[in-house]
PDB file of N, CA and C in Angstrom:
ATOM      1  N   UNK A   1     -22.064 -47.838  25.051  1.00  0.00           N
ATOM      2  CA  UNK A   1     -21.387 -48.886  25.445  1.00  0.00           C
ATOM      3  C   UNK A   1     -22.566 -49.906  26.015  1.00  0.00           C
ATOM      4  N   UNK A   2     -23.277 -49.588  26.866  1.00  0.00           N
ATOM      5  CA  UNK A   2     -24.446 -50.271  27.421  1.00  0.00           C
ATOM      6  C   UNK A   2     -25.850 -50.268  26.785  1.00  0.00           C
ATOM      7  N   UNK A   3     -26.173 -51.354  26.363  1.00  0.00           N
ATOM      8  CA  UNK A   3     -27.378 -51.507  25.488  1.00  0.00           C
ATOM      9  C   UNK A   3     -28.739 -51.027  26.498  1.00  0.00           C
ATOM     10  N   UNK A   4     -29.459 -50.237  26.049  1.00  0.00           N
ATOM     11  CA  UNK A   4     -30.748 -50.073  26.668  1.00  0.00           C
ATOM     12  C   UNK A   4     -31.781 -50.968  26.620  1.00  0.00           C
ATOM     13  N   UNK A   5     -32.367 -51.377  27.722  1.00  0.00           N
ATOM     14  CA  UNK A   5     -33.302 -52.489  27.872  1.00  0.00           C
ATOM     15  C   UNK A   5     -34.639 -51.852  28.068  1.00  0.00           C
ATOM     16  N   UNK A   6     -35.536 -52.566  27.208  1.00  0.00           N
ATOM     17  CA  UNK A   6     -37.072 -51.918  27.365  1.00  0.00           C
ATOM     18  C   UNK A   6     -37.963 -53.302  27.374  1.00  0.00           C
ATOM     19  N   UNK A   7     -38.949 -53.182  28.235  1.00  0.00           N
ATOM     20  CA  UNK A   7     -39.816 -54.151  28.676  1.00  0.00           C
ATOM     21  C   UNK A   7     -41.194 -54.000  28.234  1.00  0.00           C
ATOM     22  N   UNK A   8     -41.554 -53.376  26.965  1.00  0.00           N
ATOM     23  CA  UNK A   8     -42.766 -52.994  26.556  1.00  0.00           C
ATOM     24  C   UNK A   8     -43.528 -53.886  25.875  1.00  0.00           C
ATOM     25  N   UNK A   9     -44.836 -54.018  25.799  1.00  0.00           N
ATOM     26  CA  UNK A   9     -45.694 -54.937  25.139  1.00  0.00           C
ATOM     27  C   UNK A   9     -45.321 -56.425  25.234  1.00  0.00           C
ATOM     28  N   UNK A  10     -44.870 -56.778  26.401  1.00  0.00           N
ATOM     29  CA  UNK A  10     -44.650 -58.190  26.949  1.00  0.00           C
ATOM     30  C   UNK A  10     -43.591 -59.108  25.746  1.00  0.00           C
ATOM     31  N   UNK A  11     -42.914 -58.438  24.875  1.00  0.00           N
ATOM     32  CA  UNK A  11     -42.089 -59.189  23.892  1.00  0.00           C
ATOM     33  C   UNK A  11     -40.736 -59.282  24.716  1.00  0.00           C
ATOM     34  N   UNK A  12     -40.316 -59.062  25.917  1.00  0.00           N
ATOM     35  CA  UNK A  12     -39.137 -59.436  26.620  1.00  0.00           C
ATOM     36  C   UNK A  12     -38.190 -58.200  26.315  1.00  0.00           C
ATOM     37  N   UNK A  13     -37.043 -58.385  26.813  1.00  0.00           N
ATOM     38  CA  UNK A  13     -35.957 -57.204  26.811  1.00  0.00           C
ATOM     39  C   UNK A  13     -35.463 -57.173  25.201  1.00  0.00           C
ATOM     40  N   UNK A  14     -35.378 -55.854  24.736  1.00  0.00           N
ATOM     41  CA  UNK A  14     -34.678 -55.640  23.419  1.00  0.00           C
ATOM     42  C   UNK A  14     -33.749 -54.525  23.466  1.00  0.00           C
ATOM     43  N   UNK A  15     -32.619 -54.676  22.633  1.00  0.00           N
ATOM     44  CA  UNK A  15     -31.632 -53.493  22.762  1.00  0.00           C
ATOM     45  C   UNK A  15     -32.135 -52.324  21.718  1.00  0.00           C
ATOM     46  N   UNK A  16     -31.477 -51.215  22.157  1.00  0.00           N
ATOM     47  CA  UNK A  16     -31.796 -50.013  21.411  1.00  0.00           C
ATOM     48  C   UNK A  16     -31.393 -50.219  19.880  1.00  0.00           C
ATOM     49  N   UNK A  17     -32.281 -49.992  19.210  1.00  0.00           N
ATOM     50  CA  UNK A  17     -32.275 -49.848  17.573  1.00  0.00           C
ATOM     51  C   UNK A  17     -30.905 -49.360  17.147  1.00  0.00           C
ATOM     52  N   UNK A  18     -30.526 -47.948  17.631  1.00  0.00           N
ATOM     53  CA  UNK A  18     -29.344 -47.377  17.008  1.00  0.00           C
ATOM     54  C   UNK A  18     -28.035 -48.113  17.619  1.00  0.00           C
ATOM     55  N   UNK A  19     -27.992 -48.608  18.726  1.00  0.00           N
ATOM     56  CA  UNK A  19     -26.772 -49.245  19.227  1.00  0.00           C
ATOM     57  C   UNK A  19     -26.457 -50.420  18.372  1.00  0.00           C
ATOM     58  N   UNK A  20     -27.610 -51.295  17.943  1.00  0.00           N
ATOM     59  CA  UNK A  20     -27.289 -52.410  17.120  1.00  0.00           C
ATOM     60  C   UNK A  20     -27.001 -52.397  15.694  1.00  0.00           C
ATOM     61  N   UNK A  21     -27.595 -51.081  15.030  1.00  0.00           N
ATOM     62  CA  UNK A  21     -27.275 -50.831  13.793  1.00  0.00           C
ATOM     63  C   UNK A  21     -26.188 -50.013  13.585  1.00  0.00           C
ATOM     64  N   UNK A  22     -25.331 -49.407  14.424  1.00  0.00           N
ATOM     65  CA  UNK A  22     -24.300 -48.386  14.392  1.00  0.00           C
ATOM     66  C   UNK A  22     -23.346 -49.170  13.558  1.00  0.00           C
ATOM     67  N   UNK A  23     -22.654 -48.628  12.379  1.00  0.00           N
ATOM     68  CA  UNK A  23     -21.503 -49.299  11.606  1.00  0.00           C
ATOM     69  C   UNK A  23     -20.281 -49.311  12.635  1.00  0.00           C
ATOM     70  N   UNK A  24     -19.580 -50.627  12.414  1.00  0.00           N
ATOM     71  CA  UNK A  24     -18.427 -50.792  12.871  1.00  0.00           C
ATOM     72  C   UNK A  24     -17.249 -50.182  12.225  1.00  0.00           C
ATOM     73  N   UNK A  25     -15.976 -50.581  12.742  1.00  0.00           N
ATOM     74  CA  UNK A  25     -14.783 -50.074  12.049  1.00  0.00           C
ATOM     75  C   UNK A  25     -14.750 -50.596  10.826  1.00  0.00           C
ATOM     76  N   UNK A  26     -14.938 -51.758  10.523  1.00  0.00           N
ATOM     77  CA  UNK A  26     -14.849 -52.326   9.255  1.00  0.00           C
ATOM     78  C   UNK A  26     -15.752 -51.723   8.122  1.00  0.00           C
ATOM     79  N   UNK A  27     -17.018 -51.480   8.605  1.00  0.00           N
ATOM     80  CA  UNK A  27     -18.037 -50.819   7.741  1.00  0.00           C
ATOM     81  C   UNK A  27     -17.577 -49.453   7.514  1.00  0.00           C
ATOM     82  N   UNK A  28     -16.897 -48.590   8.246  1.00  0.00           N
ATOM     83  CA  UNK A  28     -16.534 -47.321   8.207  1.00  0.00           C
ATOM     84  C   UNK A  28     -15.419 -47.527   7.120  1.00  0.00           C
ATOM     85  N   UNK A  29     -14.582 -48.341   7.348  1.00  0.00           N
ATOM     86  CA  UNK A  29     -13.338 -48.449   6.261  1.00  0.00           C
ATOM     87  C   UNK A  29     -14.012 -48.807   4.897  1.00  0.00           C
ATOM     88  N   UNK A  30     -14.809 -49.773   4.687  1.00  0.00           N
ATOM     89  CA  UNK A  30     -15.579 -50.217   3.563  1.00  0.00           C
ATOM     90  C   UNK A  30     -16.340 -49.020   2.900  1.00  0.00           C
ATOM     91  N   UNK A  31     -16.879 -48.219   3.757  1.00  0.00           N
ATOM     92  CA  UNK A  31     -17.704 -47.214   3.246  1.00  0.00           C
ATOM     93  C   UNK A  31     -16.831 -45.989   2.619  1.00  0.00           C
ATOM     94  N   UNK A  32     -15.755 -45.770   3.338  1.00  0.00           N
ATOM     95  CA  UNK A  32     -14.791 -44.811   2.903  1.00  0.00           C
ATOM     96  C   UNK A  32     -14.065 -45.011   1.754  1.00  0.00           C
ATOM     97  N   UNK A  33     -13.719 -46.297   1.642  1.00  0.00           N
ATOM     98  CA  UNK A  33     -13.023 -46.891   0.329  1.00  0.00           C
ATOM     99  C   UNK A  33     -13.923 -46.837  -0.736  1.00  0.00           C
ATOM    100  N   UNK A  34     -15.131 -47.248  -0.585  1.00  0.00           N
ATOM    101  CA  UNK A  34     -16.178 -47.376  -1.733  1.00  0.00           C
ATOM    102  C   UNK A  34     -16.407 -45.821  -2.148  1.00  0.00           C
ATOM    103  N   UNK A  35     -16.716 -44.969  -1.154  1.00  0.00           N
ATOM    104  CA  UNK A  35     -17.033 -43.559  -1.607  1.00  0.00           C
ATOM    105  C   UNK A  35     -15.840 -42.922  -2.322  1.00  0.00           C
ATOM    106  N   UNK A  36     -14.580 -43.266  -2.059  1.00  0.00           N
ATOM    107  CA  UNK A  36     -13.469 -42.656  -2.639  1.00  0.00           C
ATOM    108  C   UNK A  36     -13.497 -43.120  -4.157  1.00  0.00           C
ATOM    109  N   UNK A  37     -13.721 -44.449  -4.466  1.00  0.00           N
ATOM    110  CA  UNK A  37     -13.738 -44.910  -5.750  1.00  0.00           C
ATOM    111  C   UNK A  37     -15.010 -44.649  -6.504  1.00  0.00           C
ATOM    112  N   UNK A  38     -16.145 -44.303  -5.973  1.00  0.00           N
ATOM    113  CA  UNK A  38     -17.206 -43.947  -6.481  1.00  0.00           C
ATOM    114  C   UNK A  38     -18.247 -45.061  -6.678  1.00  0.00           C
ATOM    115  N   UNK A  39     -18.061 -46.038  -5.792  1.00  0.00           N
ATOM    116  CA  UNK A  39     -18.926 -47.347  -5.901  1.00  0.00           C
ATOM    117  C   UNK A  39     -19.794 -47.534  -4.567  1.00  0.00           C
ATOM    118  N   UNK A  40     -20.187 -46.475  -3.858  1.00  0.00           N
ATOM    119  CA  UNK A  40     -20.787 -46.743  -2.631  1.00  0.00           C
ATOM    120  C   UNK A  40     -22.148 -47.140  -3.105  1.00  0.00           C
ATOM    121  N   UNK A  41     -22.958 -48.083  -2.541  1.00  0.00           N
ATOM    122  CA  UNK A  41     -24.269 -48.458  -2.760  1.00  0.00           C
ATOM    123  C   UNK A  41     -25.234 -47.766  -1.869  1.00  0.00           C
ATOM    124  N   UNK A  42     -26.510 -47.459  -2.599  1.00  0.00           N
ATOM    125  CA  UNK A  42     -27.360 -46.681  -1.781  1.00  0.00           C
ATOM    126  C   UNK A  42     -27.874 -47.139  -0.598  1.00  0.00           C
ATOM    127  N   UNK A  43     -27.855 -48.331  -0.200  1.00  0.00           N
ATOM    128  CA  UNK A  43     -28.256 -49.060   1.058  1.00  0.00           C
ATOM    129  C   UNK A  43     -27.040 -48.534   2.027  1.00  0.00           C
ATOM    130  N   UNK A  44     -25.714 -48.990   1.722  1.00  0.00           N
ATOM    131  CA  UNK A  44     -24.604 -48.531   2.551  1.00  0.00           C
ATOM    132  C   UNK A  44     -24.516 -46.857   2.946  1.00  0.00           C
ATOM    133  N   UNK A  45     -24.913 -46.177   2.036  1.00  0.00           N
ATOM    134  CA  UNK A  45     -24.984 -44.709   1.918  1.00  0.00           C
ATOM    135  C   UNK A  45     -26.120 -44.277   3.032  1.00  0.00           C
ATOM    136  N   UNK A  46     -27.140 -44.833   2.881  1.00  0.00           N
ATOM    137  CA  UNK A  46     -28.233 -44.629   3.966  1.00  0.00           C
ATOM    138  C   UNK A  46     -28.159 -45.139   5.261  1.00  0.00           C
ATOM    139  N   UNK A  47     -27.380 -46.149   5.210  1.00  0.00           N
ATOM    140  CA  UNK A  47     -27.155 -46.748   6.780  1.00  0.00           C
ATOM    141  C   UNK A  47     -26.004 -45.806   7.385  1.00  0.00           C
ATOM    142  N   UNK A  48     -25.003 -45.345   6.597  1.00  0.00           N
ATOM    143  CA  UNK A  48     -23.897 -44.381   7.156  1.00  0.00           C
ATOM    144  C   UNK A  48     -24.681 -43.028   7.609  1.00  0.00           C
ATOM    145  N   UNK A  49     -25.512 -42.455   6.842  1.00  0.00           N
ATOM    146  CA  UNK A  49     -26.255 -41.299   7.167  1.00  0.00           C
ATOM    147  C   UNK A  49     -27.285 -41.436   8.238  1.00  0.00           C
ATOM    148  N   UNK A  50     -27.914 -42.449   8.618  1.00  0.00           N
ATOM    149  CA  UNK A  50     -28.936 -42.672   9.385  1.00  0.00           C
ATOM    150  C   UNK A  50     -28.197 -43.087  10.733  1.00  0.00           C
ATOM    151  N   UNK A  51     -27.310 -44.200  10.625  1.00  0.00           N
ATOM    152  CA  UNK A  51     -26.987 -44.588  12.166  1.00  0.00           C
ATOM    153  C   UNK A  51     -25.353 -44.306  12.431  1.00  0.00           C
ATOM    154  N   UNK A  52     -24.765 -43.925  11.353  1.00  0.00           N
ATOM    155  CA  UNK A  52     -23.221 -43.394  11.682  1.00  0.00           C
ATOM    156  C   UNK A  52     -22.952 -41.986  12.337  1.00  0.00           C
ATOM    157  N   UNK A  53     -22.000 -41.934  13.005  1.00  0.00           N
ATOM    158  CA  UNK A  53     -21.648 -40.399  13.652  1.00  0.00           C
ATOM    159  C   UNK A  53     -20.622 -39.831  12.497  1.00  0.00           C
ATOM    160  N   UNK A  54     -20.548 -38.729  12.389  1.00  0.00           N
ATOM    161  CA  UNK A  54     -19.401 -38.259  11.070  1.00  0.00           C
ATOM    162  C   UNK A  54     -17.980 -38.391  11.592  1.00  0.00           C
ATOM    163  N   UNK A  55     -17.717 -38.226  12.787  1.00  0.00           N
ATOM    164  CA  UNK A  55     -16.265 -38.270  13.308  1.00  0.00           C
ATOM    165  C   UNK A  55     -15.659 -39.457  12.749  1.00  0.00           C
ATOM    166  N   UNK A  56     -15.890 -40.806  12.776  1.00  0.00           N
ATOM    167  CA  UNK A  56     -15.392 -41.953  12.196  1.00  0.00           C
ATOM    168  C   UNK A  56     -14.998 -41.757  10.811  1.00  0.00           C
ATOM    169  N   UNK A  57     -16.034 -41.202  10.074  1.00  0.00           N
ATOM    170  CA  UNK A  57     -15.763 -41.000   8.718  1.00  0.00           C
ATOM    171  C   UNK A  57     -14.940 -39.880   8.365  1.00  0.00           C
ATOM    172  N   UNK A  58     -14.846 -38.835   9.173  1.00  0.00           N
ATOM    173  CA  UNK A  58     -13.909 -37.855   8.779  1.00  0.00           C
ATOM    174  C   UNK A  58     -12.551 -38.403   9.030  1.00  0.00           C
ATOM    175  N   UNK A  59     -12.138 -39.213   9.957  1.00  0.00           N
ATOM    176  CA  UNK A  59     -11.003 -39.602  10.466  1.00  0.00           C
ATOM    177  C   UNK A  59     -10.546 -40.516   9.368  1.00  0.00           C
ATOM    178  N   UNK A  60     -11.234 -41.544   9.071  1.00  0.00           N
ATOM    179  CA  UNK A  60     -11.089 -42.520   7.704  1.00  0.00           C
ATOM    180  C   UNK A  60     -10.724 -42.000   6.629  1.00  0.00           C
ATOM    181  N   UNK A  61     -11.486 -40.749   6.305  1.00  0.00           N
ATOM    182  CA  UNK A  61     -11.364 -40.224   5.072  1.00  0.00           C
ATOM    183  C   UNK A  61     -10.148 -39.540   5.152  1.00  0.00           C
ATOM    184  N   UNK A  62      -9.497 -38.620   6.174  1.00  0.00           N
ATOM    185  CA  UNK A  62      -8.416 -38.084   6.105  1.00  0.00           C
ATOM    186  C   UNK A  62      -7.293 -39.056   6.188  1.00  0.00           C
ATOM    187  N   UNK A  63      -7.263 -40.155   6.871  1.00  0.00           N
ATOM    188  CA  UNK A  63      -6.117 -41.180   6.677  1.00  0.00           C
ATOM    189  C   UNK A  63      -5.983 -41.814   5.411  1.00  0.00           C
ATOM    190  N   UNK A  64      -7.086 -41.990   4.691  1.00  0.00           N
ATOM    191  CA  UNK A  64      -7.170 -42.355   3.286  1.00  0.00           C
ATOM    192  C   UNK A  64      -6.401 -41.405   2.451  1.00  0.00           C
ATOM    193  N   UNK A  65      -6.926 -40.284   2.610  1.00  0.00           N
ATOM    194  CA  UNK A  65      -6.289 -39.128   1.700  1.00  0.00           C
ATOM    195  C   UNK A  65      -4.821 -39.098   1.808  1.00  0.00           C
ATOM    196  N   UNK A  66      -4.506 -38.903   2.974  1.00  0.00           N
ATOM    197  CA  UNK A  66      -2.965 -38.681   3.202  1.00  0.00           C
ATOM    198  C   UNK A  66      -2.119 -39.899   2.550  1.00  0.00           C
ATOM    199  N   UNK A  67      -2.575 -41.296   2.827  1.00  0.00           N
ATOM    200  CA  UNK A  67      -2.000 -42.548   2.517  1.00  0.00           C
ATOM    201  C   UNK A  67      -2.093 -42.531   1.047  1.00  0.00           C
ATOM    202  N   UNK A  68      -3.176 -42.083   0.390  1.00  0.00           N
ATOM    203  CA  UNK A  68      -2.931 -41.965  -1.204  1.00  0.00           C
ATOM    204  C   UNK A  68      -2.220 -40.744  -1.911  1.00  0.00           C
ATOM    205  N   UNK A  69      -2.098 -39.712  -1.083  1.00  0.00           N
ATOM    206  CA  UNK A  69      -0.986 -38.664  -1.530  1.00  0.00           C
ATOM    207  C   UNK A  69       0.469 -39.260  -1.343  1.00  0.00           C
ATOM    208  N   UNK A  70       0.603 -39.792  -0.389  1.00  0.00           N
ATOM    209  CA  UNK A  70       2.069 -40.434   0.044  1.00  0.00           C
ATOM    210  C   UNK A  70       2.328 -41.508  -1.101  1.00  0.00           C
ATOM    211  N   UNK A  71       1.438 -42.357  -1.298  1.00  0.00           N
ATOM    212  CA  UNK A  71       1.553 -43.341  -2.336  1.00  0.00           C
ATOM    213  C   UNK A  71       1.771 -42.784  -3.724  1.00  0.00           C
ATOM    214  N   UNK A  72       1.380 -41.831  -4.184  1.00  0.00           N
ATOM    215  CA  UNK A  72       1.571 -41.036  -5.307  1.00  0.00           C
ATOM    216  C   UNK A  72       2.673 -40.469  -5.312  1.00  0.00           C
ATOM    217  N   UNK A  73       3.205 -39.798  -4.196  1.00  0.00           N
ATOM    218  CA  UNK A  73       4.412 -39.164  -4.260  1.00  0.00           C
ATOM    219  C   UNK A  73       5.594 -40.387  -4.236  1.00  0.00           C
ATOM    220  N   UNK A  74       5.419 -41.456  -3.667  1.00  0.00           N
ATOM    221  CA  UNK A  74       6.336 -42.497  -3.698  1.00  0.00           C
ATOM    222  C   UNK A  74       6.511 -43.124  -5.075  1.00  0.00           C
ATOM    223  N   UNK A  75       5.340 -43.385  -5.806  1.00  0.00           N
ATOM    224  CA  UNK A  75       5.335 -43.836  -7.157  1.00  0.00           C
ATOM    225  C   UNK A  75       6.218 -42.762  -8.144  1.00  0.00           C
ATOM    226  N   UNK A  76       5.965 -41.542  -8.035  1.00  0.00           N
ATOM    227  CA  UNK A  76       6.467 -40.462  -8.728  1.00  0.00           C
ATOM    228  C   UNK A  76       8.089 -40.420  -8.599  1.00  0.00           C
ATOM    229  N   UNK A  77       8.354 -40.583  -7.344  1.00  0.00           N
ATOM    230  CA  UNK A  77       9.945 -40.616  -6.897  1.00  0.00           C
ATOM    231  C   UNK A  77      10.426 -41.858  -7.540  1.00  0.00           C
ATOM    232  N   UNK A  78       9.803 -43.018  -7.393  1.00  0.00           N
ATOM    233  CA  UNK A  78      10.392 -44.261  -8.187  1.00  0.00           C
ATOM    234  C   UNK A  78      10.399 -44.060  -9.728  1.00  0.00           C
ATOM    235  N   UNK A  79       9.582 -43.510 -10.320  1.00  0.00           N
ATOM    236  CA  UNK A  79       9.757 -43.537 -11.608  1.00  0.00           C
ATOM    237  C   UNK A  79      10.602 -42.599 -12.101  1.00  0.00           C
ATOM    238  N   UNK A  80      10.802 -41.478 -11.557  1.00  0.00           N
ATOM    239  CA  UNK A  80      11.829 -40.478 -11.554  1.00  0.00           C
ATOM    240  C   UNK A  80      13.366 -40.910 -11.265  1.00  0.00           C
ATOM    241  N   UNK A  81      13.322 -41.901 -10.286  1.00  0.00           N
ATOM    242  CA  UNK A  81      14.742 -42.351  -9.902  1.00  0.00           C
ATOM    243  C   UNK A  81      14.997 -43.462 -11.015  1.00  0.00           C
ATOM    244  N   UNK A  82      14.159 -44.149 -11.596  1.00  0.00           N
ATOM    245  CA  UNK A  82      14.358 -45.251 -12.523  1.00  0.00           C
ATOM    246  C   UNK A  82      14.840 -44.554 -14.027  1.00  0.00           C
ATOM    247  N   UNK A  83      14.103 -43.414 -14.225  1.00  0.00           N
ATOM    248  CA  UNK A  83      14.524 -42.659 -15.411  1.00  0.00           C
ATOM    249  C   UNK A  83      15.757 -41.869 -15.331  1.00  0.00           C
ATOM    250  N   UNK A  84      16.411 -41.855 -13.871  1.00  0.00           N
ATOM    251  CA  UNK A  84      17.567 -41.021 -13.930  1.00  0.00           C
ATOM    252  C   UNK A  84      17.410 -39.663 -13.768  1.00  0.00           C
ATOM    253  N   UNK A  85      16.222 -39.194 -13.427  1.00  0.00           N
ATOM    254  CA  UNK A  85      16.079 -37.832 -13.362  1.00  0.00           C
ATOM    255  C   UNK A  85      15.942 -37.160 -11.979  1.00  0.00           C
ATOM    256  N   UNK A  86      16.388 -37.870 -10.924  1.00  0.00           N
ATOM    257  CA  UNK A  86      16.298 -37.393  -9.593  1.00  0.00           C
ATOM    258  C   UNK A  86      17.484 -36.642  -9.191  1.00  0.00           C
TER     259      UNK A  86
END
């Protein structure tokens, strides 16, 4: 939440490297979708593993998986309904 300030080597205050590079919500969603479709770039994957925490990716992956399954169930029900097989 609060950035660490360091006054080393006379270069003025600087923020902690991990705080500034930590992936945001949009980056977590983008990485989750890219990984689900198998198109995750090497650069994004390295960023996720180096600076990201596992919990946001687990939550995003779980939400995506549940939404995907519900979408498939809905599509199957619509197809069966339109074919008169329900």
